PDB file of N, CA and C in Angstrom:
ATOM      1  N   MET A   1       2.454 -12.902   8.068  1.00  0.00           N
ATOM      2  CA  MET A   1       3.692 -12.185   8.100  1.00  0.00           C
ATOM      3  C   MET A   1       4.409 -12.438   6.693  1.00  0.00           C
ATOM      4  N   LYS A   2       4.951 -11.383   6.187  1.00  0.00           N
ATOM      5  CA  LYS A   2       5.718 -11.547   4.864  1.00  0.00           C
ATOM      6  C   LYS A   2       6.975 -10.714   5.061  1.00  0.00           C
ATOM      7  N   VAL A   3       8.047 -11.055   4.519  1.00  0.00           N
ATOM      8  CA  VAL A   3       9.246 -10.333   4.447  1.00  0.00           C
ATOM      9  C   VAL A   3       9.295  -9.682   3.119  1.00  0.00           C
ATOM     10  N   ALA A   4       9.267  -8.367   3.178  1.00  0.00           N
ATOM     11  CA  ALA A   4       9.367  -7.434   1.974  1.00  0.00           C
ATOM     12  C   ALA A   4      10.680  -7.518   1.264  1.00  0.00           C
ATOM     13  N   ASP A   5      10.761  -7.002   0.053  1.00  0.00           N
ATOM     14  CA  ASP A   5      11.981  -7.076  -0.614  1.00  0.00           C
ATOM     15  C   ASP A   5      13.173  -6.280  -0.001  1.00  0.00           C
ATOM     16  N   ASN A   6      12.661  -5.302   0.866  1.00  0.00           N
ATOM     17  CA  ASN A   6      13.714  -4.507   1.589  1.00  0.00           C
ATOM     18  C   ASN A   6      14.132  -5.117   2.978  1.00  0.00           C
ATOM     19  N   GLY A   7      13.571  -6.310   3.124  1.00  0.00           N
ATOM     20  CA  GLY A   7      13.950  -7.095   4.325  1.00  0.00           C
ATOM     21  C   GLY A   7      13.063  -6.912   5.568  1.00  0.00           C
ATOM     22  N   LYS A   8      12.199  -5.860   5.416  1.00  0.00           N
ATOM     23  CA  LYS A   8      11.311  -5.568   6.609  1.00  0.00           C
ATOM     24  C   LYS A   8      10.135  -6.506   6.637  1.00  0.00           C
ATOM     25  N   ARG A   9       9.690  -6.854   7.817  1.00  0.00           N
ATOM     26  CA  ARG A   9       8.629  -7.764   7.981  1.00  0.00           C
ATOM     27  C   ARG A   9       7.306  -6.968   7.929  1.00  0.00           C
ATOM     28  N   ARG A  10       6.307  -7.535   7.199  1.00  0.00           N
ATOM     29  CA  ARG A  10       5.041  -6.849   7.028  1.00  0.00           C
ATOM     30  C   ARG A  10       3.942  -7.787   7.410  1.00  0.00           C
ATOM     31  N   ARG A  11       3.064  -7.303   8.232  1.00  0.00           N
ATOM     32  CA  ARG A  11       1.849  -8.017   8.661  1.00  0.00           C
ATOM     33  C   ARG A  11       0.769  -7.753   7.640  1.00  0.00           C
ATOM     34  N   GLN A  12       0.153  -8.816   7.155  1.00  0.00           N
ATOM     35  CA  GLN A  12      -0.916  -8.629   6.119  1.00  0.00           C
ATOM     36  C   GLN A  12      -2.198  -9.173   6.752  1.00  0.00           C
ATOM     37  N   PHE A  13      -3.353  -8.445   6.375  1.00  0.00           N
ATOM     38  CA  PHE A  13      -4.657  -8.831   6.842  1.00  0.00           C
ATOM     39  C   PHE A  13      -5.468  -9.024   5.686  1.00  0.00           C
ATOM     40  N   PHE A  14      -6.318 -10.147   5.784  1.00  0.00           N
ATOM     41  CA  PHE A  14      -7.214 -10.649   4.767  1.00  0.00           C
ATOM     42  C   PHE A  14      -8.700 -10.774   5.220  1.00  0.00           C
ATOM     43  N   CYS A  15      -9.540 -10.638   4.268  1.00  0.00           N
ATOM     44  CA  CYS A  15     -11.021 -10.794   4.591  1.00  0.00           C
ATOM     45  C   CYS A  15     -11.233 -12.261   4.997  1.00  0.00           C
ATOM     46  N   PRO A  16     -11.834 -12.486   6.165  1.00  0.00           N
ATOM     47  CA  PRO A  16     -12.183 -13.812   6.553  1.00  0.00           C
ATOM     48  C   PRO A  16     -13.237 -14.530   5.726  1.00  0.00           C
ATOM     49  N   GLU A  17     -13.919 -13.828   4.939  1.00  0.00           N
ATOM     50  CA  GLU A  17     -15.018 -14.451   4.065  1.00  0.00           C
ATOM     51  C   GLU A  17     -14.419 -14.952   2.765  1.00  0.00           C
ATOM     52  N   CYS A  18     -13.638 -14.012   2.068  1.00  0.00           N
ATOM     53  CA  CYS A  18     -13.225 -14.392   0.721  1.00  0.00           C
ATOM     54  C   CYS A  18     -11.699 -14.398   0.568  1.00  0.00           C
ATOM     55  N   GLY A  19     -10.962 -13.996   1.550  1.00  0.00           N
ATOM     56  CA  GLY A  19      -9.535 -14.135   1.497  1.00  0.00           C
ATOM     57  C   GLY A  19      -8.829 -12.981   0.775  1.00  0.00           C
ATOM     58  N   SER A  20      -9.576 -11.914   0.383  1.00  0.00           N
ATOM     59  CA  SER A  20      -8.987 -10.822  -0.308  1.00  0.00           C
ATOM     60  C   SER A  20      -8.119 -10.040   0.635  1.00  0.00           C
ATOM     61  N   PRO A  21      -6.969  -9.512   0.173  1.00  0.00           N
ATOM     62  CA  PRO A  21      -6.109  -8.652   0.970  1.00  0.00           C
ATOM     63  C   PRO A  21      -6.874  -7.357   1.275  1.00  0.00           C
ATOM     64  N   ILE A  22      -6.726  -6.926   2.633  1.00  0.00           N
ATOM     65  CA  ILE A  22      -7.323  -5.761   3.071  1.00  0.00           C
ATOM     66  C   ILE A  22      -6.333  -4.638   3.317  1.00  0.00           C
ATOM     67  N   CYS A  23      -5.325  -4.947   4.188  1.00  0.00           N
ATOM     68  CA  CYS A  23      -4.457  -3.925   4.535  1.00  0.00           C
ATOM     69  C   CYS A  23      -3.080  -4.650   4.995  1.00  0.00           C
ATOM     70  N   THR A  24      -2.078  -3.841   5.181  1.00  0.00           N
ATOM     71  CA  THR A  24      -0.795  -4.296   5.590  1.00  0.00           C
ATOM     72  C   THR A  24      -0.095  -3.292   6.520  1.00  0.00           C
ATOM     73  N   THR A  25       0.759  -3.618   7.391  1.00  0.00           N
ATOM     74  CA  THR A  25       1.468  -2.684   8.293  1.00  0.00           C
ATOM     75  C   THR A  25       2.787  -3.416   8.636  1.00  0.00           C
ATOM     76  N   GLY A  26       3.695  -2.588   9.246  1.00  0.00           N
ATOM     77  CA  GLY A  26       4.970  -3.070   9.745  1.00  0.00           C
ATOM     78  C   GLY A  26       4.910  -3.651  11.174  1.00  0.00           C
ATOM     79  N   GLU A  27       6.073  -3.629  11.669  1.00  0.00           N
ATOM     80  CA  GLU A  27       6.190  -4.059  13.094  1.00  0.00           C
ATOM     81  C   GLU A  27       6.754  -2.878  13.910  1.00  0.00           C
ATOM     82  N   GLY A  28       6.565  -2.888  15.206  1.00  0.00           N
ATOM     83  CA  GLY A  28       7.108  -1.880  16.089  1.00  0.00           C
ATOM     84  C   GLY A  28       6.617  -0.435  15.721  1.00  0.00           C
ATOM     85  N   ALA A  29       7.643   0.423  15.540  1.00  0.00           N
ATOM     86  CA  ALA A  29       7.381   1.833  15.153  1.00  0.00           C
ATOM     87  C   ALA A  29       6.710   1.951  13.808  1.00  0.00           C
ATOM     88  N   GLU A  30       6.801   0.913  12.947  1.00  0.00           N
ATOM     89  CA  GLU A  30       6.272   0.971  11.660  1.00  0.00           C
ATOM     90  C   GLU A  30       4.831   0.708  11.574  1.00  0.00           C
ATOM     91  N   THR A  31       4.183   0.372  12.681  1.00  0.00           N
ATOM     92  CA  THR A  31       2.802   0.128  12.723  1.00  0.00           C
ATOM     93  C   THR A  31       2.054   1.485  12.655  1.00  0.00           C
ATOM     94  N   LYS A  32       2.725   2.598  12.659  1.00  0.00           N
ATOM     95  CA  LYS A  32       2.084   3.864  12.532  1.00  0.00           C
ATOM     96  C   LYS A  32       1.498   4.030  11.093  1.00  0.00           C
ATOM     97  N   GLU A  33       2.095   3.341  10.202  1.00  0.00           N
ATOM     98  CA  GLU A  33       1.701   3.515   8.768  1.00  0.00           C
ATOM     99  C   GLU A  33       0.957   2.279   8.364  1.00  0.00           C
ATOM    100  N   ILE A  34      -0.250   2.412   7.796  1.00  0.00           N
ATOM    101  CA  ILE A  34      -1.032   1.235   7.365  1.00  0.00           C
ATOM    102  C   ILE A  34      -1.289   1.452   5.929  1.00  0.00           C
ATOM    103  N   GLY A  35      -1.094   0.379   5.169  1.00  0.00           N
ATOM    104  CA  GLY A  35      -1.386   0.402   3.726  1.00  0.00           C
ATOM    105  C   GLY A  35      -2.756  -0.262   3.471  1.00  0.00           C
ATOM    106  N   ILE A  36      -3.707   0.432   3.089  1.00  0.00           N
ATOM    107  CA  ILE A  36      -5.079  -0.034   2.826  1.00  0.00           C
ATOM    108  C   ILE A  36      -5.386  -0.286   1.371  1.00  0.00           C
ATOM    109  N   ARG A  37      -5.804  -1.364   1.009  1.00  0.00           N
ATOM    110  CA  ARG A  37      -6.160  -1.619  -0.385  1.00  0.00           C
ATOM    111  C   ARG A  37      -7.376  -0.784  -0.776  1.00  0.00           C
ATOM    112  N   VAL A  38      -7.165   0.102  -1.799  1.00  0.00           N
ATOM    113  CA  VAL A  38      -8.145   1.079  -2.089  1.00  0.00           C
ATOM    114  C   VAL A  38      -9.621   0.342  -2.494  1.00  0.00           C
ATOM    115  N   GLY A  39      -9.495  -0.846  -3.033  1.00  0.00           N
ATOM    116  CA  GLY A  39     -10.724  -1.515  -3.363  1.00  0.00           C
ATOM    117  C   GLY A  39     -11.627  -1.990  -2.228  1.00  0.00           C
ATOM    118  N   THR A  40     -11.089  -1.889  -1.004  1.00  0.00           N
ATOM    119  CA  THR A  40     -11.821  -2.289   0.209  1.00  0.00           C
ATOM    120  C   THR A  40     -12.491  -1.155   0.856  1.00  0.00           C
ATOM    121  N   VAL A  41     -12.370   0.088   0.316  1.00  0.00           N
ATOM    122  CA  VAL A  41     -12.952   1.301   0.988  1.00  0.00           C
ATOM    123  C   VAL A  41     -14.124   1.880   0.175  1.00  0.00           C
ATOM    124  N   ASN A  42     -15.181   2.202   0.844  1.00  0.00           N
ATOM    125  CA  ASN A  42     -16.244   2.894   0.168  1.00  0.00           C
ATOM    126  C   ASN A  42     -16.489   4.103   1.000  1.00  0.00           C
ATOM    127  N   PRO A  43     -16.726   5.238   0.408  1.00  0.00           N
ATOM    128  CA  PRO A  43     -16.541   5.678  -0.892  1.00  0.00           C
ATOM    129  C   PRO A  43     -15.082   6.073  -1.211  1.00  0.00           C
ATOM    130  N   ARG A  44     -14.477   5.439  -2.115  1.00  0.00           N
ATOM    131  CA  ARG A  44     -13.074   5.620  -2.495  1.00  0.00           C
ATOM    132  C   ARG A  44     -12.856   7.039  -2.966  1.00  0.00           C
ATOM    133  N   ASP A  45     -13.708   7.733  -3.494  1.00  0.00           N
ATOM    134  CA  ASP A  45     -13.559   9.021  -4.154  1.00  0.00           C
ATOM    135  C   ASP A  45     -13.224  10.095  -3.040  1.00  0.00           C
ATOM    136  N   GLN A  46     -13.457   9.689  -1.744  1.00  0.00           N
ATOM    137  CA  GLN A  46     -13.199  10.689  -0.732  1.00  0.00           C
ATOM    138  C   GLN A  46     -11.766  10.484  -0.101  1.00  0.00           C
ATOM    139  N   LEU A  47     -11.065   9.507  -0.594  1.00  0.00           N
ATOM    140  CA  LEU A  47      -9.640   9.346  -0.097  1.00  0.00           C
ATOM    141  C   LEU A  47      -8.740  10.281  -0.835  1.00  0.00           C
ATOM    142  N   THR A  48      -7.828  10.838  -0.075  1.00  0.00           N
ATOM    143  CA  THR A  48      -6.846  11.682  -0.675  1.00  0.00           C
ATOM    144  C   THR A  48      -5.484  11.055  -0.434  1.00  0.00           C
ATOM    145  N   PRO A  49      -4.760  10.645  -1.540  1.00  0.00           N
ATOM    146  CA  PRO A  49      -3.531  10.000  -1.368  1.00  0.00           C
ATOM    147  C   PRO A  49      -2.440  10.975  -0.878  1.00  0.00           C
ATOM    148  N   THR A  50      -1.501  10.532  -0.116  1.00  0.00           N
ATOM    149  CA  THR A  50      -0.383  11.395   0.408  1.00  0.00           C
ATOM    150  C   THR A  50       0.987  10.975  -0.144  1.00  0.00           C
ATOM    151  N   SER A  51       1.074   9.757  -0.731  1.00  0.00           N
ATOM    152  CA  SER A  51       2.286   9.379  -1.267  1.00  0.00           C
ATOM    153  C   SER A  51       2.155   8.199  -2.160  1.00  0.00           C
ATOM    154  N   GLN A  52       3.161   7.845  -2.887  1.00  0.00           N
ATOM    155  CA  GLN A  52       3.184   6.693  -3.862  1.00  0.00           C
ATOM    156  C   GLN A  52       4.380   5.783  -3.503  1.00  0.00           C
ATOM    157  N   ILE A  53       4.188   4.454  -3.715  1.00  0.00           N
ATOM    158  CA  ILE A  53       5.368   3.631  -3.653  1.00  0.00           C
ATOM    159  C   ILE A  53       5.334   2.673  -4.793  1.00  0.00           C
ATOM    160  N   TRP A  54       6.328   1.899  -5.006  1.00  0.00           N
ATOM    161  CA  TRP A  54       6.556   1.017  -6.152  1.00  0.00           C
ATOM    162  C   TRP A  54       6.484   1.755  -7.470  1.00  0.00           C
ATOM    163  N   CYS A  55       6.862   3.011  -7.596  1.00  0.00           N
ATOM    164  CA  CYS A  55       6.858   3.834  -8.798  1.00  0.00           C
ATOM    165  C   CYS A  55       7.845   3.178  -9.881  1.00  0.00           C
ATOM    166  N   GLY A  56       8.795   2.500  -9.366  1.00  0.00           N
ATOM    167  CA  GLY A  56       9.799   1.942 -10.319  1.00  0.00           C
ATOM    168  C   GLY A  56       9.212   0.685 -11.167  1.00  0.00           C
ATOM    169  N   SER A  57       8.087   0.160 -10.660  1.00  0.00           N
ATOM    170  CA  SER A  57       7.453  -0.893 -11.402  1.00  0.00           C
ATOM    171  C   SER A  57       6.069  -0.533 -11.934  1.00  0.00           C
ATOM    172  N   ALA A  58       5.810   0.796 -12.015  1.00  0.00           N
ATOM    173  CA  ALA A  58       4.551   1.267 -12.529  1.00  0.00           C
ATOM    174  C   ALA A  58       4.447   0.995 -13.978  1.00  0.00           C
ATOM    175  N   LEU A  59       3.235   0.594 -14.418  1.00  0.00           N
ATOM    176  CA  LEU A  59       2.981   0.365 -15.857  1.00  0.00           C
ATOM    177  C   LEU A  59       3.135   1.691 -16.616  1.00  0.00           C
ATOM    178  N   PRO A  60       3.728   1.644 -17.809  1.00  0.00           N
ATOM    179  CA  PRO A  60       3.927   2.919 -18.452  1.00  0.00           C
ATOM    180  C   PRO A  60       2.622   3.737 -18.896  1.00  0.00           C
ATOM    181  N   TRP A  61       1.584   3.022 -19.013  1.00  0.00           N
ATOM    182  CA  TRP A  61       0.316   3.786 -19.422  1.00  0.00           C
ATOM    183  C   TRP A  61      -0.291   4.358 -18.234  1.00  0.00           C
ATOM    184  N   LEU A  62       0.143   4.100 -17.035  1.00  0.00           N
ATOM    185  CA  LEU A  62      -0.573   4.705 -15.866  1.00  0.00           C
ATOM    186  C   LEU A  62      -0.265   6.119 -15.647  1.00  0.00           C
ATOM    187  N   GLY A  63       0.923   6.495 -15.931  1.00  0.00           N
ATOM    188  CA  GLY A  63       1.290   7.995 -15.756  1.00  0.00           C
ATOM    189  C   GLY A  63       1.634   8.150 -14.281  1.00  0.00           C
ATOM    190  N   GLU A  64       2.230   9.250 -13.932  1.00  0.00           N
ATOM    191  CA  GLU A  64       2.547   9.631 -12.612  1.00  0.00           C
ATOM    192  C   GLU A  64       1.570  10.529 -12.038  1.00  0.00           C
ATOM    193  N   VAL A  65       1.354  10.503 -10.761  1.00  0.00           N
ATOM    194  CA  VAL A  65       0.604  11.521 -10.044  1.00  0.00           C
ATOM    195  C   VAL A  65       1.563  12.677  -9.603  1.00  0.00           C
ATOM    196  N   PRO A  66       1.693  13.727 -10.401  1.00  0.00           N
ATOM    197  CA  PRO A  66       2.822  14.599 -10.109  1.00  0.00           C
ATOM    198  C   PRO A  66       2.880  15.342  -8.840  1.00  0.00           C
ATOM    199  N   ASP A  67       1.784  15.559  -8.111  1.00  0.00           N
ATOM    200  CA  ASP A  67       1.821  16.233  -6.845  1.00  0.00           C
ATOM    201  C   ASP A  67       2.135  15.423  -5.655  1.00  0.00           C
ATOM    202  N   LEU A  68       2.326  14.134  -5.797  1.00  0.00           N
ATOM    203  CA  LEU A  68       2.643  13.279  -4.765  1.00  0.00           C
ATOM    204  C   LEU A  68       4.096  12.867  -4.673  1.00  0.00           C
ATOM    205  N   PRO A  69       4.753  12.785  -3.496  1.00  0.00           N
ATOM    206  CA  PRO A  69       6.091  12.255  -3.481  1.00  0.00           C
ATOM    207  C   PRO A  69       6.050  10.810  -3.742  1.00  0.00           C
ATOM    208  N   GLY A  70       7.091  10.261  -4.318  1.00  0.00           N
ATOM    209  CA  GLY A  70       7.032   8.903  -4.670  1.00  0.00           C
ATOM    210  C   GLY A  70       8.544   8.303  -4.544  1.00  0.00           C
ATOM    211  N   ARG A  71       8.555   6.951  -4.378  1.00  0.00           N
ATOM    212  CA  ARG A  71       9.828   6.355  -4.372  1.00  0.00           C
ATOM    213  C   ARG A  71       9.753   5.014  -5.179  1.00  0.00           C
ATOM    214  N   PRO A  72      10.882   4.565  -5.711  1.00  0.00           N
ATOM    215  CA  PRO A  72      10.831   3.436  -6.708  1.00  0.00           C
ATOM    216  C   PRO A  72      10.504   2.170  -5.988  1.00  0.00           C
ATOM    217  N   ARG A  73      10.656   2.009  -4.729  1.00  0.00           N
ATOM    218  CA  ARG A  73      10.333   0.762  -3.963  1.00  0.00           C
ATOM    219  C   ARG A  73       9.808   1.142  -2.595  1.00  0.00           C
ATOM    220  N   ASP A  74       9.242   0.201  -1.904  1.00  0.00           N
ATOM    221  CA  ASP A  74       8.735   0.410  -0.566  1.00  0.00           C
ATOM    222  C   ASP A  74       9.899   0.398   0.370  1.00  0.00           C
TER     223      ASP A  74
END
């Protein structure tokens, strides 16, 4: 369990073999949304993103994905 910058509690899940982060979710009603680390999914090219978060701290060379809604923080 981790407390996010916005004060919400986030459950984090890790690989039992190597300890890499796999996914995260909230508590209660917020368990409907799961954040999956893209590096854990094969084939990644078949995933279609629906939103962005942490746009406020994006690296300047990354650029924005213009068709997705975004917010500066989670």
